[in-house]
PDB file of all heavy atoms in Angstrom:
ATOM      1  N   GLY A   1       0.805  -1.212  -0.012  1.00  0.00           N
ATOM      2  CA  GLY A   1       0.011  -0.054  -0.005  1.00  0.00           C
ATOM      3  C   GLY A   1       0.865   1.247  -0.021  1.00  0.00           C
ATOM      4  O   GLY A   1       1.938   1.304  -0.385  1.00  0.00           O
ATOM      5  N   LEU A   2       0.294   2.393   0.567  1.00  0.00           N
ATOM      6  CA  LEU A   2       0.942   3.616   0.571  1.00  0.00           C
ATOM      7  C   LEU A   2       1.833   3.586   1.842  1.00  0.00           C
ATOM      8  O   LEU A   2       1.336   3.651   2.872  1.00  0.00           O
ATOM      9  CB  LEU A   2       0.022   4.787   0.659  1.00  0.00           C
ATOM     10  CG  LEU A   2       0.589   6.179   0.850  1.00  0.00           C
ATOM     11  CD1 LEU A   2       1.451   6.591  -0.253  1.00  0.00           C
ATOM     12  CD2 LEU A   2      -0.630   7.152   1.180  1.00  0.00           C
ATOM     13  N   LEU A   3       3.087   3.451   1.527  1.00  0.00           N
ATOM     14  CA  LEU A   3       4.082   3.277   2.675  1.00  0.00           C
ATOM     15  C   LEU A   3       4.794   4.565   3.125  1.00  0.00           C
ATOM     16  O   LEU A   3       5.278   4.624   4.245  1.00  0.00           O
ATOM     17  CB  LEU A   3       5.150   2.235   2.304  1.00  0.00           C
ATOM     18  CG  LEU A   3       4.576   0.797   1.940  1.00  0.00           C
ATOM     19  CD1 LEU A   3       5.791  -0.139   1.707  1.00  0.00           C
ATOM     20  CD2 LEU A   3       3.602   0.342   2.990  1.00  0.00           C
ATOM     21  N   ILE A   4       4.956   5.481   2.189  1.00  0.00           N
ATOM     22  CA  ILE A   4       5.497   6.838   2.424  1.00  0.00           C
ATOM     23  C   ILE A   4       4.669   7.893   1.705  1.00  0.00           C
ATOM     24  O   ILE A   4       4.367   7.708   0.567  1.00  0.00           O
ATOM     25  CB  ILE A   4       7.004   6.933   2.012  1.00  0.00           C
ATOM     26  CG1 ILE A   4       7.813   5.975   2.890  1.00  0.00           C
ATOM     27  CG2 ILE A   4       7.532   8.412   2.172  1.00  0.00           C
ATOM     28  CD1 ILE A   4       9.310   5.992   2.436  1.00  0.00           C
ATOM     29  N   GLY A   5       4.204   8.862   2.471  1.00  0.00           N
ATOM     30  CA  GLY A   5       3.529   9.960   1.748  1.00  0.00           C
ATOM     31  C   GLY A   5       2.261  10.387   2.417  1.00  0.00           C
ATOM     32  O   GLY A   5       1.730   9.681   3.311  1.00  0.00           O
ATOM     33  N   ARG A   6       1.723  11.501   2.068  1.00  0.00           N
ATOM     34  CA  ARG A   6       0.597  12.082   2.691  1.00  0.00           C
ATOM     35  C   ARG A   6      -0.604  11.689   1.712  1.00  0.00           C
ATOM     36  O   ARG A   6      -0.702  12.069   0.585  1.00  0.00           O
ATOM     37  CB  ARG A   6       0.634  13.666   2.667  1.00  0.00           C
ATOM     38  CG  ARG A   6       1.740  14.157   3.568  1.00  0.00           C
ATOM     39  CD  ARG A   6       1.808  15.699   3.525  1.00  0.00           C
ATOM     40  NE  ARG A   6       2.756  16.207   4.447  1.00  0.00           N
ATOM     41  CZ  ARG A   6       4.094  16.450   4.046  1.00  0.00           C
ATOM     42  NH1 ARG A   6       4.493  16.168   2.769  1.00  0.00           N
ATOM     43  NH2 ARG A   6       4.927  16.961   4.891  1.00  0.00           N
ATOM     44  N   PRO A   7      -1.602  10.875   2.187  1.00  0.00           N
ATOM     45  CA  PRO A   7      -2.729  10.327   1.437  1.00  0.00           C
ATOM     46  C   PRO A   7      -3.441  11.355   0.612  1.00  0.00           C
ATOM     47  O   PRO A   7      -3.912  11.112  -0.544  1.00  0.00           O
ATOM     48  CB  PRO A   7      -3.629   9.764   2.419  1.00  0.00           C
ATOM     49  CG  PRO A   7      -2.713   9.373   3.626  1.00  0.00           C
ATOM     50  CD  PRO A   7      -1.728  10.492   3.649  1.00  0.00           C
ATOM     51  N   ASP A   8      -3.589  12.578   1.063  1.00  0.00           N
ATOM     52  CA  ASP A   8      -4.380  13.591   0.266  1.00  0.00           C
ATOM     53  C   ASP A   8      -3.504  14.492  -0.645  1.00  0.00           C
ATOM     54  O   ASP A   8      -3.985  15.381  -1.253  1.00  0.00           O
ATOM     55  CB  ASP A   8      -5.100  14.479   1.191  1.00  0.00           C
ATOM     56  CG  ASP A   8      -6.267  13.624   1.974  1.00  0.00           C
ATOM     57  OD1 ASP A   8      -6.871  12.830   1.272  1.00  0.00           O
ATOM     58  OD2 ASP A   8      -6.454  13.869   3.138  1.00  0.00           O
ATOM     59  N   ARG A   9      -2.128  14.109  -0.753  1.00  0.00           N
ATOM     60  CA  ARG A   9      -1.377  14.956  -1.625  1.00  0.00           C
ATOM     61  C   ARG A   9      -1.670  14.600  -3.118  1.00  0.00           C
ATOM     62  O   ARG A   9      -1.783  13.461  -3.497  1.00  0.00           O
ATOM     63  CB  ARG A   9       0.158  14.600  -1.300  1.00  0.00           C
ATOM     64  CG  ARG A   9       1.204  15.244  -2.245  1.00  0.00           C
ATOM     65  CD  ARG A   9       1.117  16.809  -2.195  1.00  0.00           C
ATOM     66  NE  ARG A   9       1.304  17.359  -0.850  1.00  0.00           N
ATOM     67  CZ  ARG A   9       2.444  17.652  -0.380  1.00  0.00           C
ATOM     68  NH1 ARG A   9       3.623  17.446  -1.041  1.00  0.00           N
ATOM     69  NH2 ARG A   9       2.594  18.171   0.787  1.00  0.00           N
ATOM     70  N   GLU A  10      -1.753  15.594  -4.004  1.00  0.00           N
ATOM     71  CA  GLU A  10      -2.053  15.385  -5.370  1.00  0.00           C
ATOM     72  C   GLU A  10      -0.834  14.870  -6.102  1.00  0.00           C
ATOM     73  O   GLU A  10       0.322  15.239  -5.746  1.00  0.00           O
ATOM     74  CB  GLU A  10      -2.541  16.699  -6.032  1.00  0.00           C
ATOM     75  CG  GLU A  10      -3.950  17.057  -5.592  1.00  0.00           C
ATOM     76  CD  GLU A  10      -4.518  18.233  -6.412  1.00  0.00           C
ATOM     77  OE1 GLU A  10      -3.737  18.842  -7.130  1.00  0.00           O
ATOM     78  OE2 GLU A  10      -5.729  18.465  -6.324  1.00  0.00           O
ATOM     79  N   VAL A  11      -1.011  14.077  -7.090  1.00  0.00           N
ATOM     80  CA  VAL A  11      -0.031  13.422  -7.846  1.00  0.00           C
ATOM     81  C   VAL A  11      -0.011  13.915  -9.270  1.00  0.00           C
ATOM     82  O   VAL A  11      -1.120  13.951  -9.955  1.00  0.00           O
ATOM     83  CB  VAL A  11      -0.111  11.848  -7.802  1.00  0.00           C
ATOM     84  CG1 VAL A  11       0.943  11.174  -8.720  1.00  0.00           C
ATOM     85  CG2 VAL A  11      -0.076  11.291  -6.377  1.00  0.00           C
ATOM     86  N   THR A  12       1.193  14.309  -9.804  1.00  0.00           N
ATOM     87  CA  THR A  12       1.324  14.796 -11.118  1.00  0.00           C
ATOM     88  C   THR A  12       2.164  13.981 -12.003  1.00  0.00           C
ATOM     89  O   THR A  12       1.912  13.809 -13.219  1.00  0.00           O
ATOM     90  CB  THR A  12       1.938  16.251 -11.123  1.00  0.00           C
ATOM     91  OG1 THR A  12       3.139  16.128 -10.352  1.00  0.00           O
ATOM     92  CG2 THR A  12       1.046  17.229 -10.379  1.00  0.00           C
ATOM     93  N   LYS A  13       3.125  13.270 -11.455  1.00  0.00           N
ATOM     94  CA  LYS A  13       3.954  12.396 -12.243  1.00  0.00           C
ATOM     95  C   LYS A  13       4.363  11.104 -11.342  1.00  0.00           C
ATOM     96  O   LYS A  13       4.545  11.253 -10.228  1.00  0.00           O
ATOM     97  CB  LYS A  13       5.273  13.107 -12.617  1.00  0.00           C
ATOM     98  CG  LYS A  13       5.105  14.303 -13.563  1.00  0.00           C
ATOM     99  CD  LYS A  13       6.456  14.802 -13.928  1.00  0.00           C
ATOM    100  CE  LYS A  13       6.321  16.079 -14.878  1.00  0.00           C
ATOM    101  NZ  LYS A  13       7.630  16.641 -15.251  1.00  0.00           N
ATOM    102  N   ILE A  14       4.340   9.946 -12.110  1.00  0.00           N
ATOM    103  CA  ILE A  14       4.615   8.760 -11.404  1.00  0.00           C
ATOM    104  C   ILE A  14       5.731   7.940 -12.132  1.00  0.00           C
ATOM    105  O   ILE A  14       5.859   7.924 -13.318  1.00  0.00           O
ATOM    106  CB  ILE A  14       3.327   7.858 -11.459  1.00  0.00           C
ATOM    107  CG1 ILE A  14       2.147   8.485 -10.708  1.00  0.00           C
ATOM    108  CG2 ILE A  14       3.760   6.447 -10.819  1.00  0.00           C
ATOM    109  CD1 ILE A  14       0.864   7.740 -10.904  1.00  0.00           C
ATOM    110  N   LEU A  15       6.622   7.518 -11.351  1.00  0.00           N
ATOM    111  CA  LEU A  15       7.762   6.591 -11.827  1.00  0.00           C
ATOM    112  C   LEU A  15       7.390   5.120 -11.341  1.00  0.00           C
ATOM    113  O   LEU A  15       7.121   4.891 -10.126  1.00  0.00           O
ATOM    114  CB  LEU A  15       9.061   7.014 -11.398  1.00  0.00           C
ATOM    115  CG  LEU A  15      10.282   6.259 -11.897  1.00  0.00           C
ATOM    116  CD1 LEU A  15      10.454   6.449 -13.354  1.00  0.00           C
ATOM    117  CD2 LEU A  15      11.568   6.665 -11.167  1.00  0.00           C
ATOM    118  N   VAL A  16       7.419   4.175 -12.190  1.00  0.00           N
ATOM    119  CA  VAL A  16       7.160   2.773 -11.862  1.00  0.00           C
ATOM    120  C   VAL A  16       8.497   2.031 -11.901  1.00  0.00           C
ATOM    121  O   VAL A  16       9.249   2.123 -12.954  1.00  0.00           O
ATOM    122  CB  VAL A  16       6.152   2.137 -12.837  1.00  0.00           C
ATOM    123  CG1 VAL A  16       5.931   0.689 -12.550  1.00  0.00           C
ATOM    124  CG2 VAL A  16       4.783   2.841 -12.702  1.00  0.00           C
ATOM    125  N   ALA A  17       8.797   1.252 -10.906  1.00  0.00           N
ATOM    126  CA  ALA A  17      10.015   0.449 -10.825  1.00  0.00           C
ATOM    127  C   ALA A  17       9.761  -0.797 -10.024  1.00  0.00           C
ATOM    128  O   ALA A  17       8.880  -0.834  -9.204  1.00  0.00           O
ATOM    129  CB  ALA A  17      11.054   1.295 -10.239  1.00  0.00           C
ATOM    130  N   LEU A  18      10.535  -1.813 -10.202  1.00  0.00           N
ATOM    131  CA  LEU A  18      10.428  -3.018  -9.367  1.00  0.00           C
ATOM    132  C   LEU A  18      10.784  -2.803  -7.975  1.00  0.00           C
ATOM    133  O   LEU A  18      10.173  -3.299  -7.048  1.00  0.00           O
ATOM    134  CB  LEU A  18      11.397  -4.100  -9.976  1.00  0.00           C
ATOM    135  CG  LEU A  18      11.095  -5.533  -9.399  1.00  0.00           C
ATOM    136  CD1 LEU A  18       9.792  -6.124  -9.776  1.00  0.00           C
ATOM    137  CD2 LEU A  18      12.169  -6.437  -9.811  1.00  0.00           C
ATOM    138  N   ASP A  19      11.919  -1.919  -7.765  1.00  0.00           N
ATOM    139  CA  ASP A  19      12.306  -1.589  -6.448  1.00  0.00           C
ATOM    140  C   ASP A  19      12.400  -0.079  -6.225  1.00  0.00           C
ATOM    141  O   ASP A  19      12.720   0.643  -7.183  1.00  0.00           O
ATOM    142  CB  ASP A  19      13.753  -2.243  -6.168  1.00  0.00           C
ATOM    143  CG  ASP A  19      13.720  -3.715  -6.267  1.00  0.00           C
ATOM    144  OD1 ASP A  19      13.335  -4.408  -5.445  1.00  0.00           O
ATOM    145  OD2 ASP A  19      14.164  -4.215  -7.423  1.00  0.00           O
ATOM    146  N   VAL A  20      12.366   0.391  -4.941  1.00  0.00           N
ATOM    147  CA  VAL A  20      12.641   1.743  -4.645  1.00  0.00           C
ATOM    148  C   VAL A  20      14.109   1.753  -4.072  1.00  0.00           C
ATOM    149  O   VAL A  20      14.315   1.452  -2.931  1.00  0.00           O
ATOM    150  CB  VAL A  20      11.642   2.292  -3.629  1.00  0.00           C
ATOM    151  CG1 VAL A  20      11.864   3.723  -3.378  1.00  0.00           C
ATOM    152  CG2 VAL A  20      10.258   2.035  -4.037  1.00  0.00           C
ATOM    153  N   THR A  21      14.984   2.084  -4.954  1.00  0.00           N
ATOM    154  CA  THR A  21      16.341   2.253  -4.672  1.00  0.00           C
ATOM    155  C   THR A  21      16.790   3.721  -4.656  1.00  0.00           C
ATOM    156  O   THR A  21      16.036   4.517  -5.012  1.00  0.00           O
ATOM    157  CB  THR A  21      17.328   1.495  -5.670  1.00  0.00           C
ATOM    158  OG1 THR A  21      17.152   2.171  -7.043  1.00  0.00           O
ATOM    159  CG2 THR A  21      16.837  -0.020  -5.803  1.00  0.00           C
ATOM    160  N   GLU A  22      18.010   3.967  -4.188  1.00  0.00           N
ATOM    161  CA  GLU A  22      18.459   5.383  -4.177  1.00  0.00           C
ATOM    162  C   GLU A  22      18.535   5.891  -5.605  1.00  0.00           C
ATOM    163  O   GLU A  22      18.159   7.086  -5.846  1.00  0.00           O
ATOM    164  CB  GLU A  22      19.771   5.477  -3.515  1.00  0.00           C
ATOM    165  CG  GLU A  22      19.743   5.415  -2.015  1.00  0.00           C
ATOM    166  CD  GLU A  22      21.085   5.831  -1.459  1.00  0.00           C
ATOM    167  OE1 GLU A  22      21.407   7.004  -1.589  1.00  0.00           O
ATOM    168  OE2 GLU A  22      21.780   4.953  -0.711  1.00  0.00           O
ATOM    169  N   ALA A  23      18.965   5.070  -6.503  1.00  0.00           N
ATOM    170  CA  ALA A  23      19.053   5.532  -7.968  1.00  0.00           C
ATOM    171  C   ALA A  23      17.620   5.750  -8.485  1.00  0.00           C
ATOM    172  O   ALA A  23      17.384   6.674  -9.251  1.00  0.00           O
ATOM    173  CB  ALA A  23      19.671   4.398  -8.757  1.00  0.00           C
ATOM    174  N   VAL A  24      16.665   4.934  -8.150  1.00  0.00           N
ATOM    175  CA  VAL A  24      15.287   5.126  -8.609  1.00  0.00           C
ATOM    176  C   VAL A  24      14.695   6.403  -8.009  1.00  0.00           C
ATOM    177  O   VAL A  24      14.059   7.232  -8.648  1.00  0.00           O
ATOM    178  CB  VAL A  24      14.466   3.971  -8.253  1.00  0.00           C
ATOM    179  CG1 VAL A  24      12.920   4.262  -8.541  1.00  0.00           C
ATOM    180  CG2 VAL A  24      14.828   2.785  -9.177  1.00  0.00           C
ATOM    181  N   ALA A  25      14.952   6.618  -6.710  1.00  0.00           N
ATOM    182  CA  ALA A  25      14.560   7.907  -6.045  1.00  0.00           C
ATOM    183  C   ALA A  25      15.135   9.124  -6.664  1.00  0.00           C
ATOM    184  O   ALA A  25      14.484  10.184  -6.947  1.00  0.00           O
ATOM    185  CB  ALA A  25      14.935   7.895  -4.567  1.00  0.00           C
ATOM    186  N   GLU A  26      16.391   9.007  -7.065  1.00  0.00           N
ATOM    187  CA  GLU A  26      17.099  10.153  -7.849  1.00  0.00           C
ATOM    188  C   GLU A  26      16.401  10.411  -9.148  1.00  0.00           C
ATOM    189  O   GLU A  26      16.230  11.540  -9.548  1.00  0.00           O
ATOM    190  CB  GLU A  26      18.575   9.898  -7.931  1.00  0.00           C
ATOM    191  CG  GLU A  26      19.348  10.943  -8.513  1.00  0.00           C
ATOM    192  CD  GLU A  26      19.400  12.226  -7.634  1.00  0.00           C
ATOM    193  OE1 GLU A  26      19.343  12.124  -6.497  1.00  0.00           O
ATOM    194  OE2 GLU A  26      19.372  13.328  -8.262  1.00  0.00           O
ATOM    195  N   GLU A  27      16.199   9.305  -9.886  1.00  0.00           N
ATOM    196  CA  GLU A  27      15.445   9.388 -11.169  1.00  0.00           C
ATOM    197  C   GLU A  27      14.160  10.050 -11.046  1.00  0.00           C
ATOM    198  O   GLU A  27      13.748  10.882 -11.819  1.00  0.00           O
ATOM    199  CB  GLU A  27      15.342   8.015 -11.746  1.00  0.00           C
ATOM    200  CG  GLU A  27      14.675   7.946 -13.195  1.00  0.00           C
ATOM    201  CD  GLU A  27      14.565   6.498 -13.600  1.00  0.00           C
ATOM    202  OE1 GLU A  27      14.591   5.533 -12.830  1.00  0.00           O
ATOM    203  OE2 GLU A  27      14.331   6.395 -14.885  1.00  0.00           O
ATOM    204  N   ALA A  28      13.306   9.634  -9.962  1.00  0.00           N
ATOM    205  CA  ALA A  28      12.137  10.242  -9.725  1.00  0.00           C
ATOM    206  C   ALA A  28      12.298  11.796  -9.441  1.00  0.00           C
ATOM    207  O   ALA A  28      11.404  12.665 -10.034  1.00  0.00           O
ATOM    208  CB  ALA A  28      11.360   9.577  -8.595  1.00  0.00           C
ATOM    209  N   ALA A  29      13.263  12.226  -8.670  1.00  0.00           N
ATOM    210  CA  ALA A  29      13.457  13.600  -8.376  1.00  0.00           C
ATOM    211  C   ALA A  29      13.800  14.302  -9.591  1.00  0.00           C
ATOM    212  O   ALA A  29      13.261  15.488  -9.886  1.00  0.00           O
ATOM    213  CB  ALA A  29      14.553  13.687  -7.303  1.00  0.00           C
ATOM    214  N   GLU A  30      14.629  13.742 -10.404  1.00  0.00           N
ATOM    215  CA  GLU A  30      15.030  14.435 -11.669  1.00  0.00           C
ATOM    216  C   GLU A  30      13.851  14.666 -12.620  1.00  0.00           C
ATOM    217  O   GLU A  30      13.787  15.676 -13.368  1.00  0.00           O
ATOM    218  CB  GLU A  30      16.177  13.765 -12.400  1.00  0.00           C
ATOM    219  CG  GLU A  30      17.471  13.717 -11.547  1.00  0.00           C
ATOM    220  CD  GLU A  30      18.522  12.947 -12.245  1.00  0.00           C
ATOM    221  OE1 GLU A  30      18.391  12.250 -13.227  1.00  0.00           O
ATOM    222  OE2 GLU A  30      19.668  12.918 -11.666  1.00  0.00           O
ATOM    223  N   MET A  31      12.976  13.666 -12.671  1.00  0.00           N
ATOM    224  CA  MET A  31      11.776  13.967 -13.637  1.00  0.00           C
ATOM    225  C   MET A  31      10.638  14.691 -13.002  1.00  0.00           C
ATOM    226  O   MET A  31       9.609  14.955 -13.607  1.00  0.00           O
ATOM    227  CB  MET A  31      11.263  12.535 -14.189  1.00  0.00           C
ATOM    228  CG  MET A  31      10.540  11.667 -13.120  1.00  0.00           C
ATOM    229  SD  MET A  31       9.818  10.243 -13.832  1.00  0.00           S
ATOM    230  CE  MET A  31       8.228  10.757 -14.482  1.00  0.00           C
ATOM    231  N   GLY A  32      10.815  15.020 -11.737  1.00  0.00           N
ATOM    232  CA  GLY A  32       9.725  15.720 -10.990  1.00  0.00           C
ATOM    233  C   GLY A  32       8.549  14.903 -10.594  1.00  0.00           C
ATOM    234  O   GLY A  32       7.500  15.350 -10.300  1.00  0.00           O
ATOM    235  N   ALA A  33       8.797  13.548 -10.468  1.00  0.00           N
ATOM    236  CA  ALA A  33       7.739  12.709 -10.021  1.00  0.00           C
ATOM    237  C   ALA A  33       7.571  12.855  -8.556  1.00  0.00           C
ATOM    238  O   ALA A  33       8.558  12.915  -7.707  1.00  0.00           O
ATOM    239  CB  ALA A  33       8.101  11.289 -10.436  1.00  0.00           C
ATOM    240  N   ASN A  34       6.289  12.733  -8.103  1.00  0.00           N
ATOM    241  CA  ASN A  34       6.045  12.818  -6.606  1.00  0.00           C
ATOM    242  C   ASN A  34       5.542  11.522  -6.113  1.00  0.00           C
ATOM    243  O   ASN A  34       4.937  11.434  -5.015  1.00  0.00           O
ATOM    244  CB  ASN A  34       5.237  13.977  -6.175  1.00  0.00           C
ATOM    245  CG  ASN A  34       3.936  14.201  -6.997  1.00  0.00           C
ATOM    246  OD1 ASN A  34       3.729  13.320  -7.943  1.00  0.00           O
ATOM    247  ND2 ASN A  34       3.128  15.088  -6.670  1.00  0.00           N
ATOM    248  N   LEU A  35       5.579  10.427  -6.995  1.00  0.00           N
ATOM    249  CA  LEU A  35       5.231   9.161  -6.496  1.00  0.00           C
ATOM    250  C   LEU A  35       6.000   8.099  -7.289  1.00  0.00           C
ATOM    251  O   LEU A  35       6.174   8.130  -8.513  1.00  0.00           O
ATOM    252  CB  LEU A  35       3.781   8.893  -6.758  1.00  0.00           C
ATOM    253  CG  LEU A  35       3.217   7.412  -6.585  1.00  0.00           C
ATOM    254  CD1 LEU A  35       3.319   6.991  -5.201  1.00  0.00           C
ATOM    255  CD2 LEU A  35       1.706   7.396  -7.017  1.00  0.00           C
ATOM    256  N   ILE A  36       6.454   7.043  -6.476  1.00  0.00           N
ATOM    257  CA  ILE A  36       7.028   5.859  -7.105  1.00  0.00           C
ATOM    258  C   ILE A  36       6.066   4.693  -6.725  1.00  0.00           C
ATOM    259  O   ILE A  36       5.696   4.489  -5.614  1.00  0.00           O
ATOM    260  CB  ILE A  36       8.453   5.505  -6.514  1.00  0.00           C
ATOM    261  CG1 ILE A  36       9.454   6.648  -6.880  1.00  0.00           C
ATOM    262  CG2 ILE A  36       8.941   4.147  -7.065  1.00  0.00           C
ATOM    263  CD1 ILE A  36      10.810   6.536  -6.164  1.00  0.00           C
ATOM    264  N   VAL A  37       5.635   3.947  -7.837  1.00  0.00           N
ATOM    265  CA  VAL A  37       4.883   2.748  -7.597  1.00  0.00           C
ATOM    266  C   VAL A  37       5.777   1.614  -7.887  1.00  0.00           C
ATOM    267  O   VAL A  37       6.342   1.399  -8.982  1.00  0.00           O
ATOM    268  CB  VAL A  37       3.718   2.694  -8.609  1.00  0.00           C
ATOM    269  CG1 VAL A  37       2.925   1.410  -8.367  1.00  0.00           C
ATOM    270  CG2 VAL A  37       2.667   3.922  -8.256  1.00  0.00           C
TER     271      VAL A  37
END
């Protein structure tokens, strides 16, 4: 489920990955994503 985040925060960009690694988090930050699934 939702493990990190504010449930009512709006989502504009999503990055999908098998794992949430530091590299994936950096990739999400660079693309301006505010959610990793």
